[in-house]
Amino acid sequence: MRVSRGARDIFSFLMLAPDAGEEAARAAMTLAVRDDDSASAAEILAATGIDPR
């Protein structure tokens, strides 16, 4: 989900299924908050082995 409040305020939220494993969920959240990474949610989920359902 993306929320925008103008050109400079764009927030992206990564939502994980409740049954995502703890280790995979932590890895996905770590990737999601990196400043130097522009990976999409689909890429983050694929990289951590989480089913995107």
PDB file of N, CA and C in Angstrom:
ATOM      1  N   MET A   1       0.846  -1.155   0.000  1.00  0.00           N
ATOM      2  CA  MET A   1       0.000   0.000   0.000  1.00  0.00           C
ATOM      3  C   MET A   1       0.897   1.224   0.000  1.00  0.00           C
ATOM      4  N   ARG A   2       0.535   2.205  -0.780  1.00  0.00           N
ATOM      5  CA  ARG A   2       1.281   3.466  -0.827  1.00  0.00           C
ATOM      6  C   ARG A   2       0.348   4.604  -0.421  1.00  0.00           C
ATOM      7  N   VAL A   3       0.874   5.495   0.376  1.00  0.00           N
ATOM      8  CA  VAL A   3       0.142   6.680   0.797  1.00  0.00           C
ATOM      9  C   VAL A   3       0.984   7.886   0.434  1.00  0.00           C
ATOM     10  N   SER A   4       0.372   8.852  -0.215  1.00  0.00           N
ATOM     11  CA  SER A   4       1.098  10.048  -0.628  1.00  0.00           C
ATOM     12  C   SER A   4       0.437  11.287  -0.047  1.00  0.00           C
ATOM     13  N   ARG A   5       1.288  12.177   0.482  1.00  0.00           N
ATOM     14  CA  ARG A   5       0.806  13.464   0.978  1.00  0.00           C
ATOM     15  C   ARG A   5       1.485  14.588   0.212  1.00  0.00           C
ATOM     16  N   GLY A   6       1.828  14.336  -0.994  1.00  0.00           N
ATOM     17  CA  GLY A   6       2.514  15.327  -1.810  1.00  0.00           C
ATOM     18  C   GLY A   6       3.749  14.718  -2.435  1.00  0.00           C
ATOM     19  N   ALA A   7       4.483  15.513  -3.157  1.00  0.00           N
ATOM     20  CA  ALA A   7       5.634  15.032  -3.908  1.00  0.00           C
ATOM     21  C   ALA A   7       6.739  14.456  -3.025  1.00  0.00           C
ATOM     22  N   ARG A   8       6.896  14.942  -1.813  1.00  0.00           N
ATOM     23  CA  ARG A   8       8.017  14.499  -0.986  1.00  0.00           C
ATOM     24  C   ARG A   8       7.614  13.549   0.129  1.00  0.00           C
ATOM     25  N   ASP A   9       6.337  13.381   0.373  1.00  0.00           N
ATOM     26  CA  ASP A   9       5.864  12.502   1.445  1.00  0.00           C
ATOM     27  C   ASP A   9       5.147  11.296   0.860  1.00  0.00           C
ATOM     28  N   ILE A  10       5.902  10.262   0.564  1.00  0.00           N
ATOM     29  CA  ILE A  10       5.327   9.026   0.048  1.00  0.00           C
ATOM     30  C   ILE A  10       5.702   7.914   1.023  1.00  0.00           C
ATOM     31  N   PHE A  11       4.699   7.230   1.513  1.00  0.00           N
ATOM     32  CA  PHE A  11       4.898   6.152   2.466  1.00  0.00           C
ATOM     33  C   PHE A  11       4.467   4.842   1.832  1.00  0.00           C
ATOM     34  N   SER A  12       5.284   3.814   1.955  1.00  0.00           N
ATOM     35  CA  SER A  12       4.944   2.485   1.469  1.00  0.00           C
ATOM     36  C   SER A  12       4.843   1.555   2.660  1.00  0.00           C
ATOM     37  N   PHE A  13       3.799   0.731   2.661  1.00  0.00           N
ATOM     38  CA  PHE A  13       3.587  -0.218   3.743  1.00  0.00           C
ATOM     39  C   PHE A  13       3.685  -1.631   3.188  1.00  0.00           C
ATOM     40  N   LEU A  14       4.445  -2.476   3.838  1.00  0.00           N
ATOM     41  CA  LEU A  14       4.555  -3.876   3.448  1.00  0.00           C
ATOM     42  C   LEU A  14       3.716  -4.685   4.422  1.00  0.00           C
ATOM     43  N   MET A  15       2.730  -5.394   3.902  1.00  0.00           N
ATOM     44  CA  MET A  15       1.855  -6.194   4.748  1.00  0.00           C
ATOM     45  C   MET A  15       2.194  -7.657   4.567  1.00  0.00           C
ATOM     46  N   LEU A  16       2.318  -8.354   5.687  1.00  0.00           N
ATOM     47  CA  LEU A  16       2.662  -9.768   5.664  1.00  0.00           C
ATOM     48  C   LEU A  16       1.505 -10.594   6.198  1.00  0.00           C
ATOM     49  N   ALA A  17       1.341 -11.774   5.627  1.00  0.00           N
ATOM     50  CA  ALA A  17       0.305 -12.686   6.105  1.00  0.00           C
ATOM     51  C   ALA A  17       0.640 -13.123   7.529  1.00  0.00           C
ATOM     52  N   PRO A  18      -0.388 -13.343   8.357  1.00  0.00           N
ATOM     53  CA  PRO A  18      -0.140 -13.755   9.745  1.00  0.00           C
ATOM     54  C   PRO A  18       0.644 -15.060   9.862  1.00  0.00           C
ATOM     55  N   ASP A  19       0.563 -15.899   8.826  1.00  0.00           N
ATOM     56  CA  ASP A  19       1.265 -17.179   8.901  1.00  0.00           C
ATOM     57  C   ASP A  19       2.671 -17.141   8.298  1.00  0.00           C
ATOM     58  N   ALA A  20       3.155 -15.943   7.942  1.00  0.00           N
ATOM     59  CA  ALA A  20       4.540 -15.835   7.463  1.00  0.00           C
ATOM     60  C   ALA A  20       5.467 -16.208   8.622  1.00  0.00           C
ATOM     61  N   GLY A  21       6.448 -16.985   8.356  1.00  0.00           N
ATOM     62  CA  GLY A  21       7.370 -17.387   9.413  1.00  0.00           C
ATOM     63  C   GLY A  21       8.086 -16.187  10.028  1.00  0.00           C
ATOM     64  N   GLU A  22       8.437 -16.313  11.288  1.00  0.00           N
ATOM     65  CA  GLU A  22       9.065 -15.193  11.998  1.00  0.00           C
ATOM     66  C   GLU A  22      10.367 -14.748  11.340  1.00  0.00           C
ATOM     67  N   GLU A  23      11.204 -15.697  10.976  1.00  0.00           N
ATOM     68  CA  GLU A  23      12.492 -15.355  10.362  1.00  0.00           C
ATOM     69  C   GLU A  23      12.300 -14.658   9.012  1.00  0.00           C
ATOM     70  N   ALA A  24      11.399 -15.184   8.195  1.00  0.00           N
ATOM     71  CA  ALA A  24      11.131 -14.581   6.886  1.00  0.00           C
ATOM     72  C   ALA A  24      10.510 -13.201   7.056  1.00  0.00           C
ATOM     73  N   ALA A  25       9.609 -13.055   8.020  1.00  0.00           N
ATOM     74  CA  ALA A  25       8.970 -11.758   8.266  1.00  0.00           C
ATOM     75  C   ALA A  25       9.996 -10.718   8.697  1.00  0.00           C
ATOM     76  N   ARG A  26      10.902 -11.105   9.575  1.00  0.00           N
ATOM     77  CA  ARG A  26      11.959 -10.176  10.005  1.00  0.00           C
ATOM     78  C   ARG A  26      12.837  -9.763   8.826  1.00  0.00           C
ATOM     79  N   ALA A  27      13.190 -10.739   7.987  1.00  0.00           N
ATOM     80  CA  ALA A  27      14.019 -10.439   6.818  1.00  0.00           C
ATOM     81  C   ALA A  27      13.288  -9.495   5.860  1.00  0.00           C
ATOM     82  N   ALA A  28      12.002  -9.716   5.656  1.00  0.00           N
ATOM     83  CA  ALA A  28      11.227  -8.851   4.767  1.00  0.00           C
ATOM     84  C   ALA A  28      11.140  -7.436   5.319  1.00  0.00           C
ATOM     85  N   MET A  29      10.906  -7.290   6.602  1.00  0.00           N
ATOM     86  CA  MET A  29      10.802  -5.968   7.198  1.00  0.00           C
ATOM     87  C   MET A  29      12.159  -5.250   7.160  1.00  0.00           C
ATOM     88  N   THR A  30      13.233  -5.998   7.327  1.00  0.00           N
ATOM     89  CA  THR A  30      14.569  -5.408   7.246  1.00  0.00           C
ATOM     90  C   THR A  30      14.829  -4.866   5.838  1.00  0.00           C
ATOM     91  N   LEU A  31      14.443  -5.641   4.831  1.00  0.00           N
ATOM     92  CA  LEU A  31      14.609  -5.174   3.445  1.00  0.00           C
ATOM     93  C   LEU A  31      13.720  -3.970   3.155  1.00  0.00           C
ATOM     94  N   ALA A  32      12.531  -3.961   3.718  1.00  0.00           N
ATOM     95  CA  ALA A  32      11.560  -2.903   3.422  1.00  0.00           C
ATOM     96  C   ALA A  32      11.987  -1.535   3.945  1.00  0.00           C
ATOM     97  N   VAL A  33      12.777  -1.489   4.995  1.00  0.00           N
ATOM     98  CA  VAL A  33      13.132  -0.191   5.591  1.00  0.00           C
ATOM     99  C   VAL A  33      14.495   0.339   5.148  1.00  0.00           C
ATOM    100  N   ARG A  34      15.167  -0.380   4.269  1.00  0.00           N
ATOM    101  CA  ARG A  34      16.472   0.086   3.801  1.00  0.00           C
ATOM    102  C   ARG A  34      16.324   1.341   2.962  1.00  0.00           C
ATOM    103  N   ASP A  35      17.081   2.365   3.282  1.00  0.00           N
ATOM    104  CA  ASP A  35      17.039   3.624   2.534  1.00  0.00           C
ATOM    105  C   ASP A  35      17.596   3.490   1.118  1.00  0.00           C
ATOM    106  N   ASP A  36      18.539   2.595   0.928  1.00  0.00           N
ATOM    107  CA  ASP A  36      19.213   2.482  -0.364  1.00  0.00           C
ATOM    108  C   ASP A  36      18.582   1.434  -1.284  1.00  0.00           C
ATOM    109  N   ASP A  37      17.414   0.949  -0.943  1.00  0.00           N
ATOM    110  CA  ASP A  37      16.792  -0.111  -1.722  1.00  0.00           C
ATOM    111  C   ASP A  37      15.455   0.366  -2.277  1.00  0.00           C
ATOM    112  N   SER A  38      15.198   0.073  -3.526  1.00  0.00           N
ATOM    113  CA  SER A  38      13.933   0.459  -4.143  1.00  0.00           C
ATOM    114  C   SER A  38      13.150  -0.776  -4.576  1.00  0.00           C
ATOM    115  N   ALA A  39      13.353  -1.886  -3.898  1.00  0.00           N
ATOM    116  CA  ALA A  39      12.666  -3.126  -4.251  1.00  0.00           C
ATOM    117  C   ALA A  39      11.166  -2.987  -4.020  1.00  0.00           C
ATOM    118  N   SER A  40      10.407  -3.595  -4.907  1.00  0.00           N
ATOM    119  CA  SER A  40       8.953  -3.582  -4.762  1.00  0.00           C
ATOM    120  C   SER A  40       8.549  -4.594  -3.688  1.00  0.00           C
ATOM    121  N   ALA A  41       7.308  -4.509  -3.259  1.00  0.00           N
ATOM    122  CA  ALA A  41       6.800  -5.469  -2.273  1.00  0.00           C
ATOM    123  C   ALA A  41       6.911  -6.894  -2.814  1.00  0.00           C
ATOM    124  N   ALA A  42       6.566  -7.076  -4.090  1.00  0.00           N
ATOM    125  CA  ALA A  42       6.647  -8.407  -4.693  1.00  0.00           C
ATOM    126  C   ALA A  42       8.082  -8.942  -4.678  1.00  0.00           C
ATOM    127  N   GLU A  43       9.041  -8.071  -4.946  1.00  0.00           N
ATOM    128  CA  GLU A  43      10.453  -8.485  -4.934  1.00  0.00           C
ATOM    129  C   GLU A  43      10.906  -8.837  -3.521  1.00  0.00           C
ATOM    130  N   ILE A  44      10.479  -8.075  -2.545  1.00  0.00           N
ATOM    131  CA  ILE A  44      10.849  -8.354  -1.148  1.00  0.00           C
ATOM    132  C   ILE A  44      10.261  -9.684  -0.704  1.00  0.00           C
ATOM    133  N   LEU A  45       8.988  -9.908  -1.008  1.00  0.00           N
ATOM    134  CA  LEU A  45       8.353 -11.173  -0.627  1.00  0.00           C
ATOM    135  C   LEU A  45       9.031 -12.356  -1.310  1.00  0.00           C
ATOM    136  N   ALA A  46       9.350 -12.220  -2.590  1.00  0.00           N
ATOM    137  CA  ALA A  46      10.027 -13.300  -3.319  1.00  0.00           C
ATOM    138  C   ALA A  46      11.407 -13.583  -2.736  1.00  0.00           C
ATOM    139  N   ALA A  47      12.129 -12.516  -2.396  1.00  0.00           N
ATOM    140  CA  ALA A  47      13.486 -12.677  -1.864  1.00  0.00           C
ATOM    141  C   ALA A  47      13.500 -13.365  -0.504  1.00  0.00           C
ATOM    142  N   THR A  48      12.411 -13.244   0.242  1.00  0.00           N
ATOM    143  CA  THR A  48      12.358 -13.835   1.582  1.00  0.00           C
ATOM    144  C   THR A  48      11.531 -15.100   1.642  1.00  0.00           C
ATOM    145  N   GLY A  49      11.002 -15.533   0.482  1.00  0.00           N
ATOM    146  CA  GLY A  49      10.262 -16.796   0.435  1.00  0.00           C
ATOM    147  C   GLY A  49       8.848 -16.721   0.993  1.00  0.00           C
ATOM    148  N   ILE A  50       8.283 -15.540   1.075  1.00  0.00           N
ATOM    149  CA  ILE A  50       6.929 -15.391   1.596  1.00  0.00           C
ATOM    150  C   ILE A  50       5.946 -15.421   0.437  1.00  0.00           C
ATOM    151  N   ASP A  51       4.899 -16.222   0.564  1.00  0.00           N
ATOM    152  CA  ASP A  51       3.867 -16.345  -0.462  1.00  0.00           C
ATOM    153  C   ASP A  51       3.067 -15.052  -0.525  1.00  0.00           C
ATOM    154  N   PRO A  52       3.016 -14.392  -1.695  1.00  0.00           N
ATOM    155  CA  PRO A  52       2.339 -13.097  -1.800  1.00  0.00           C
ATOM    156  C   PRO A  52       0.815 -13.155  -1.834  1.00  0.00           C
ATOM    157  N   ARG A  53       0.255 -14.317  -1.896  1.00  0.00           N
ATOM    158  CA  ARG A  53      -1.203 -14.500  -2.001  1.00  0.00           C
ATOM    159  C   ARG A  53      -1.881 -13.231  -2.297  1.00  0.00           C
TER     160      ARG A  53
END
